[in-house]
């Protein structure tokens, strides 16, 4: 059974960079599941797909967040990470890491395609 666990600071100051890590067990970020994503849910709104890293190392980003988002991985630790720069209070959300087993990359932005989810971590942007 694939399990994911988010970790990182719960409070970030405006203009700083938000950094989160997802630790994976029961699967490999270089083989299967096929892609690993960051998805967030601001208060009172729906889920927002931020981006993903495929098991071949290719990265995919939401167009609205692409200029501020970077997803990377550490294969030796079976972890992947999110960096979101120049944060504002509007980036306050519960952040989830998730994984999908679908073969195609066409639907990576579709939250329903993600079979495995972390429990989520609250990140608040405030001075």
N, C-alpha and C. Protein backbone atom coordinates (compact mmCIF):
# COMPACT_ATOMS: atom_id res chain seq x y z
N UNK A 1 0.84 -1.18 0.00
CA UNK A 1 0.00 0.00 0.00
C UNK A 1 0.89 1.25 0.00
N UNK A 2 0.65 2.13 -0.95
CA UNK A 2 1.41 3.37 -1.04
C UNK A 2 0.93 4.33 0.03
N UNK A 3 1.87 4.90 0.75
CA UNK A 3 1.53 5.91 1.75
C UNK A 3 2.37 7.15 1.52
N UNK A 4 1.76 8.30 1.74
CA UNK A 4 2.44 9.59 1.55
C UNK A 4 2.28 10.43 2.81
N UNK A 5 3.32 11.15 3.15
CA UNK A 5 3.29 12.00 4.33
C UNK A 5 3.95 13.33 4.04
N UNK A 6 3.15 14.41 4.21
CA UNK A 6 3.68 15.76 4.01
C UNK A 6 4.41 16.24 5.26
N UNK A 7 5.42 17.08 5.05
CA UNK A 7 6.10 17.71 6.18
C UNK A 7 6.60 19.08 5.76
N UNK A 8 6.68 19.97 6.74
CA UNK A 8 7.16 21.31 6.47
C UNK A 8 6.57 22.29 7.45
N UNK A 9 7.03 23.54 7.39
CA UNK A 9 6.53 24.55 8.33
C UNK A 9 5.06 24.86 8.13
N UNK A 10 4.37 25.12 9.23
CA UNK A 10 2.97 25.45 9.16
C UNK A 10 2.71 26.94 9.01
N UNK A 11 3.74 27.75 9.18
CA UNK A 11 3.59 29.20 9.08
C UNK A 11 4.72 29.76 8.24
N UNK A 12 4.34 30.55 7.26
CA UNK A 12 5.32 31.18 6.36
C UNK A 12 4.97 32.67 6.28
N UNK A 13 5.98 33.50 6.24
CA UNK A 13 5.75 34.94 6.15
C UNK A 13 5.55 35.36 4.70
N UNK A 14 4.75 36.38 4.49
CA UNK A 14 4.56 36.88 3.12
C UNK A 14 5.89 37.23 2.46
N UNK A 15 5.97 36.97 1.17
CA UNK A 15 7.12 37.19 0.29
C UNK A 15 8.18 36.08 0.41
N UNK A 16 8.05 35.21 1.41
CA UNK A 16 9.01 34.12 1.55
C UNK A 16 8.63 32.94 0.66
N UNK A 17 9.45 31.91 0.72
CA UNK A 17 9.22 30.70 -0.06
C UNK A 17 8.69 29.59 0.83
N UNK A 18 7.59 29.02 0.41
CA UNK A 18 6.98 27.87 1.09
C UNK A 18 7.66 26.60 0.59
N UNK A 19 8.13 25.78 1.52
CA UNK A 19 8.79 24.53 1.14
C UNK A 19 8.15 23.36 1.88
N UNK A 20 7.71 22.37 1.14
CA UNK A 20 7.12 21.16 1.70
C UNK A 20 7.77 19.93 1.09
N UNK A 21 7.80 18.86 1.86
CA UNK A 21 8.35 17.60 1.39
C UNK A 21 7.32 16.50 1.58
N UNK A 22 7.27 15.58 0.64
CA UNK A 22 6.39 14.41 0.74
C UNK A 22 7.26 13.16 0.78
N UNK A 23 7.14 12.40 1.84
CA UNK A 23 7.87 11.16 1.98
C UNK A 23 6.98 9.98 1.58
N UNK A 24 7.50 9.14 0.69
CA UNK A 24 6.72 8.05 0.12
C UNK A 24 7.18 6.71 0.69
N UNK A 25 6.23 5.87 1.03
CA UNK A 25 6.52 4.49 1.42
C UNK A 25 5.57 3.56 0.70
N UNK A 26 6.01 2.34 0.46
CA UNK A 26 5.18 1.38 -0.24
C UNK A 26 5.17 1.55 -1.75
N UNK A 27 5.95 2.47 -2.26
CA UNK A 27 6.05 2.71 -3.69
C UNK A 27 7.38 3.38 -3.97
N UNK A 28 7.69 3.60 -5.26
CA UNK A 28 8.94 4.24 -5.63
C UNK A 28 8.66 5.43 -6.53
N UNK A 29 9.28 6.57 -6.26
CA UNK A 29 9.03 7.75 -7.07
C UNK A 29 9.69 7.66 -8.44
N UNK A 30 10.45 6.58 -8.67
CA UNK A 30 11.06 6.42 -9.99
C UNK A 30 10.40 5.32 -10.82
N UNK A 31 9.44 4.60 -10.22
CA UNK A 31 8.80 3.52 -10.98
C UNK A 31 7.28 3.59 -10.92
N UNK A 32 6.72 3.26 -9.80
CA UNK A 32 5.26 3.20 -9.72
C UNK A 32 4.82 3.53 -8.32
N UNK A 33 3.78 4.34 -8.10
CA UNK A 33 2.90 5.00 -9.08
C UNK A 33 3.66 5.85 -10.10
N UNK A 34 2.93 6.32 -11.10
CA UNK A 34 3.58 6.93 -12.25
C UNK A 34 3.87 8.42 -12.09
N UNK A 35 3.08 9.12 -11.30
CA UNK A 35 3.29 10.55 -11.14
C UNK A 35 2.88 11.00 -9.75
N UNK A 36 3.51 12.07 -9.31
CA UNK A 36 3.41 12.54 -7.93
C UNK A 36 3.11 14.03 -7.95
N UNK A 37 2.07 14.41 -7.25
CA UNK A 37 1.57 15.79 -7.38
C UNK A 37 1.44 16.50 -6.05
N UNK A 38 1.35 17.83 -6.18
CA UNK A 38 0.96 18.68 -5.07
C UNK A 38 -0.38 19.32 -5.41
N UNK A 39 -1.28 19.24 -4.47
CA UNK A 39 -2.65 19.75 -4.63
C UNK A 39 -3.00 20.49 -3.35
N UNK A 40 -3.63 21.64 -3.48
CA UNK A 40 -3.96 22.40 -2.29
C UNK A 40 -5.43 22.76 -2.24
N UNK A 41 -5.89 23.11 -1.04
CA UNK A 41 -7.27 23.51 -0.85
C UNK A 41 -7.32 24.73 0.06
N UNK A 42 -7.45 25.92 -0.52
CA UNK A 42 -7.62 27.12 0.31
C UNK A 42 -8.92 27.05 1.09
N UNK A 43 -9.03 27.79 2.17
CA UNK A 43 -10.25 27.73 2.98
C UNK A 43 -11.47 28.14 2.18
N UNK A 44 -12.51 27.36 2.28
CA UNK A 44 -13.77 27.69 1.64
C UNK A 44 -13.80 27.48 0.14
N UNK A 45 -12.78 26.85 -0.43
CA UNK A 45 -12.75 26.62 -1.87
C UNK A 45 -12.43 25.16 -2.17
N UNK A 46 -12.42 24.83 -3.45
CA UNK A 46 -12.14 23.46 -3.86
C UNK A 46 -10.66 23.17 -4.00
N UNK A 47 -10.38 21.96 -4.41
CA UNK A 47 -9.00 21.55 -4.60
C UNK A 47 -8.39 22.21 -5.82
N UNK A 48 -7.11 22.56 -5.70
CA UNK A 48 -6.37 23.17 -6.81
C UNK A 48 -5.10 22.37 -7.07
N UNK A 49 -5.00 21.82 -8.27
CA UNK A 49 -3.80 21.08 -8.66
C UNK A 49 -2.69 22.09 -8.94
N UNK A 50 -1.52 21.88 -8.34
CA UNK A 50 -0.42 22.82 -8.49
C UNK A 50 0.62 22.34 -9.50
N UNK A 51 0.87 21.06 -9.50
CA UNK A 51 1.87 20.52 -10.40
C UNK A 51 2.22 19.10 -10.02
N UNK A 52 3.04 18.47 -10.88
CA UNK A 52 3.39 17.07 -10.65
C UNK A 52 4.77 16.78 -11.22
N UNK A 53 5.35 15.71 -10.70
CA UNK A 53 6.60 15.19 -11.24
C UNK A 53 6.38 13.73 -11.62
N UNK A 54 6.72 13.42 -12.86
CA UNK A 54 6.55 12.06 -13.35
C UNK A 54 7.69 11.19 -12.83
N UNK A 55 7.50 9.86 -12.89
CA UNK A 55 8.57 9.00 -12.38
C UNK A 55 9.81 9.04 -13.27
N UNK A 56 9.71 9.64 -14.48
CA UNK A 56 10.90 9.83 -15.32
C UNK A 56 11.60 11.16 -15.04
N UNK A 57 11.06 11.92 -14.09
CA UNK A 57 11.66 13.19 -13.70
C UNK A 57 11.07 14.42 -14.37
N UNK A 58 10.21 14.23 -15.37
CA UNK A 58 9.57 15.37 -16.03
C UNK A 58 8.61 16.07 -15.07
N UNK A 59 8.54 17.39 -15.18
CA UNK A 59 7.67 18.16 -14.31
C UNK A 59 6.58 18.86 -15.11
N UNK A 60 5.44 19.05 -14.48
CA UNK A 60 4.26 19.65 -15.08
C UNK A 60 3.68 20.62 -14.06
N UNK A 61 3.29 21.81 -14.52
CA UNK A 61 2.82 22.84 -13.59
C UNK A 61 1.50 23.44 -14.04
N UNK A 62 0.72 23.87 -13.06
CA UNK A 62 -0.46 24.66 -13.36
C UNK A 62 -0.02 25.97 -13.99
N UNK A 63 -0.64 26.37 -15.09
CA UNK A 63 -0.23 27.63 -15.74
C UNK A 63 -0.33 28.84 -14.81
N UNK A 64 -1.31 28.82 -13.91
CA UNK A 64 -1.51 29.97 -13.04
C UNK A 64 -0.45 30.07 -11.95
N UNK A 65 0.25 28.98 -11.67
CA UNK A 65 1.25 28.97 -10.60
C UNK A 65 2.66 28.71 -11.11
N UNK A 66 2.80 28.49 -12.39
CA UNK A 66 4.06 28.02 -12.94
C UNK A 66 5.24 28.93 -12.62
N UNK A 67 5.00 30.24 -12.63
CA UNK A 67 6.10 31.19 -12.42
C UNK A 67 6.64 31.15 -11.00
N UNK A 68 5.85 30.59 -10.06
CA UNK A 68 6.26 30.59 -8.65
C UNK A 68 6.52 29.19 -8.10
N UNK A 69 6.29 28.16 -8.89
CA UNK A 69 6.30 26.79 -8.38
C UNK A 69 7.47 25.98 -8.92
N UNK A 70 8.03 25.17 -8.03
CA UNK A 70 9.07 24.22 -8.43
C UNK A 70 8.85 22.91 -7.68
N UNK A 71 8.83 21.81 -8.43
CA UNK A 71 8.71 20.49 -7.83
C UNK A 71 9.96 19.70 -8.17
N UNK A 72 10.54 19.11 -7.16
CA UNK A 72 11.77 18.34 -7.35
C UNK A 72 11.68 17.04 -6.57
N UNK A 73 12.68 16.20 -6.72
CA UNK A 73 12.66 14.93 -6.01
C UNK A 73 14.05 14.55 -5.54
N UNK A 74 14.08 13.72 -4.49
CA UNK A 74 15.30 13.13 -3.97
C UNK A 74 15.11 11.62 -4.03
N UNK A 75 15.66 11.00 -5.05
CA UNK A 75 15.41 9.58 -5.24
C UNK A 75 16.05 8.73 -4.14
N UNK A 76 17.14 9.23 -3.55
CA UNK A 76 17.80 8.45 -2.50
C UNK A 76 16.95 8.36 -1.23
N UNK A 77 16.06 9.35 -1.06
CA UNK A 77 15.19 9.36 0.12
C UNK A 77 13.75 9.00 -0.24
N UNK A 78 13.48 8.77 -1.52
CA UNK A 78 12.10 8.49 -1.97
C UNK A 78 11.16 9.62 -1.54
N UNK A 79 11.58 10.83 -1.80
CA UNK A 79 10.81 12.02 -1.45
C UNK A 79 10.68 12.93 -2.66
N UNK A 80 9.62 13.72 -2.67
CA UNK A 80 9.52 14.81 -3.62
C UNK A 80 9.07 16.06 -2.88
N UNK A 81 9.40 17.21 -3.43
CA UNK A 81 9.24 18.45 -2.70
C UNK A 81 8.56 19.52 -3.53
N UNK A 82 8.00 20.47 -2.82
CA UNK A 82 7.34 21.63 -3.43
C UNK A 82 8.00 22.89 -2.91
N UNK A 83 8.28 23.81 -3.80
CA UNK A 83 8.68 25.15 -3.40
C UNK A 83 7.76 26.14 -4.11
N UNK A 84 7.16 27.03 -3.33
CA UNK A 84 6.28 28.07 -3.85
C UNK A 84 6.84 29.41 -3.38
N UNK A 85 7.27 30.23 -4.32
CA UNK A 85 7.96 31.47 -3.96
C UNK A 85 6.98 32.64 -3.86
N UNK A 86 7.46 33.70 -3.24
CA UNK A 86 6.71 34.97 -3.14
C UNK A 86 5.29 34.76 -2.65
N UNK A 87 5.15 34.06 -1.55
CA UNK A 87 3.81 33.72 -1.08
C UNK A 87 3.10 34.94 -0.52
N UNK A 88 1.78 34.89 -0.59
CA UNK A 88 0.89 35.90 -0.03
C UNK A 88 -0.14 35.18 0.84
N UNK A 89 -0.94 35.92 1.60
CA UNK A 89 -1.98 35.25 2.40
C UNK A 89 -2.93 34.40 1.56
N UNK A 90 -3.06 34.70 0.26
CA UNK A 90 -3.92 33.89 -0.60
C UNK A 90 -3.37 32.48 -0.84
N UNK A 91 -2.13 32.25 -0.46
CA UNK A 91 -1.55 30.91 -0.56
C UNK A 91 -1.81 30.07 0.69
N UNK A 92 -2.51 30.63 1.65
CA UNK A 92 -2.91 29.86 2.82
C UNK A 92 -3.85 28.74 2.40
N UNK A 93 -3.52 27.51 2.79
CA UNK A 93 -4.30 26.36 2.33
C UNK A 93 -3.84 25.11 3.06
N UNK A 94 -4.62 24.06 2.89
CA UNK A 94 -4.15 22.71 3.24
C UNK A 94 -3.46 22.16 2.00
N UNK A 95 -2.24 21.73 2.15
CA UNK A 95 -1.45 21.23 1.03
C UNK A 95 -1.37 19.70 1.12
N UNK A 96 -1.69 19.06 0.00
CA UNK A 96 -1.66 17.60 -0.08
C UNK A 96 -0.63 17.14 -1.11
N UNK A 97 0.04 16.05 -0.82
CA UNK A 97 0.76 15.35 -1.87
C UNK A 97 -0.07 14.13 -2.25
N UNK A 98 0.01 13.76 -3.52
CA UNK A 98 -0.83 12.69 -4.03
C UNK A 98 -0.10 11.95 -5.15
N UNK A 99 -0.60 10.75 -5.45
CA UNK A 99 0.04 9.94 -6.49
C UNK A 99 -1.01 9.27 -7.36
N UNK A 100 -0.66 9.12 -8.63
CA UNK A 100 -1.56 8.48 -9.58
C UNK A 100 -0.85 7.33 -10.28
N UNK A 101 -1.63 6.34 -10.71
CA UNK A 101 -1.08 5.20 -11.44
C UNK A 101 -1.45 5.25 -12.92
N UNK A 102 -2.09 6.31 -13.38
CA UNK A 102 -2.50 6.35 -14.78
C UNK A 102 -1.29 6.42 -15.69
N UNK A 103 -1.42 5.79 -16.86
CA UNK A 103 -0.29 5.66 -17.77
C UNK A 103 -0.03 6.95 -18.55
N UNK A 104 -1.08 7.69 -18.85
CA UNK A 104 -0.95 8.90 -19.66
C UNK A 104 -0.73 10.12 -18.78
N UNK A 105 -0.03 11.11 -19.32
CA UNK A 105 0.15 12.37 -18.60
C UNK A 105 -0.90 13.40 -18.99
N UNK A 106 -1.84 13.02 -19.85
CA UNK A 106 -2.83 13.96 -20.36
C UNK A 106 -3.73 14.54 -19.26
N UNK A 107 -3.99 13.76 -18.24
CA UNK A 107 -4.96 14.17 -17.22
C UNK A 107 -4.30 14.39 -15.86
N UNK A 108 -3.05 14.77 -15.84
CA UNK A 108 -2.36 14.94 -14.56
C UNK A 108 -3.01 16.00 -13.69
N UNK A 109 -3.69 16.97 -14.29
CA UNK A 109 -4.30 18.05 -13.52
C UNK A 109 -5.66 17.67 -12.94
N UNK A 110 -6.12 16.47 -13.21
CA UNK A 110 -7.44 16.03 -12.74
C UNK A 110 -7.29 15.35 -11.38
N UNK A 111 -7.79 16.01 -10.35
CA UNK A 111 -7.62 15.48 -9.00
C UNK A 111 -8.23 14.09 -8.85
N UNK A 112 -9.29 13.79 -9.58
CA UNK A 112 -9.94 12.50 -9.46
C UNK A 112 -9.06 11.34 -9.91
N UNK A 113 -7.98 11.64 -10.65
CA UNK A 113 -7.10 10.60 -11.13
C UNK A 113 -6.10 10.13 -10.07
N UNK A 114 -6.07 10.83 -8.95
CA UNK A 114 -5.07 10.51 -7.93
C UNK A 114 -5.65 9.53 -6.92
N UNK A 115 -5.02 8.38 -6.87
CA UNK A 115 -5.51 7.28 -6.03
C UNK A 115 -4.99 7.37 -4.60
N UNK A 116 -3.79 7.87 -4.43
CA UNK A 116 -3.15 7.89 -3.12
C UNK A 116 -2.95 9.33 -2.68
N UNK A 117 -3.27 9.60 -1.41
CA UNK A 117 -3.19 10.96 -0.88
C UNK A 117 -2.51 10.94 0.49
N UNK A 118 -1.75 12.00 0.78
CA UNK A 118 -1.31 12.23 2.13
C UNK A 118 -2.46 12.80 2.95
N UNK A 119 -2.23 12.95 4.23
CA UNK A 119 -3.29 13.46 5.10
C UNK A 119 -3.47 14.96 4.98
N UNK A 120 -2.52 15.64 4.39
CA UNK A 120 -2.60 17.09 4.23
C UNK A 120 -1.92 17.82 5.37
N UNK A 121 -1.38 18.99 5.04
CA UNK A 121 -0.75 19.81 6.06
C UNK A 121 -1.20 21.26 5.88
N UNK A 122 -1.59 21.89 6.97
CA UNK A 122 -2.04 23.28 6.92
C UNK A 122 -0.83 24.20 6.84
N UNK A 123 -0.87 25.11 5.89
CA UNK A 123 0.15 26.15 5.79
C UNK A 123 -0.55 27.50 5.81
N UNK A 124 -0.15 28.33 6.72
CA UNK A 124 -0.71 29.67 6.84
C UNK A 124 0.36 30.69 6.48
N UNK A 125 -0.02 31.64 5.63
CA UNK A 125 0.89 32.72 5.26
C UNK A 125 0.44 33.97 6.01
N UNK A 126 1.29 34.40 6.92
CA UNK A 126 0.94 35.54 7.76
C UNK A 126 2.22 36.12 8.37
N UNK A 127 2.18 37.42 8.57
CA UNK A 127 3.32 38.07 9.24
C UNK A 127 3.16 38.03 10.75
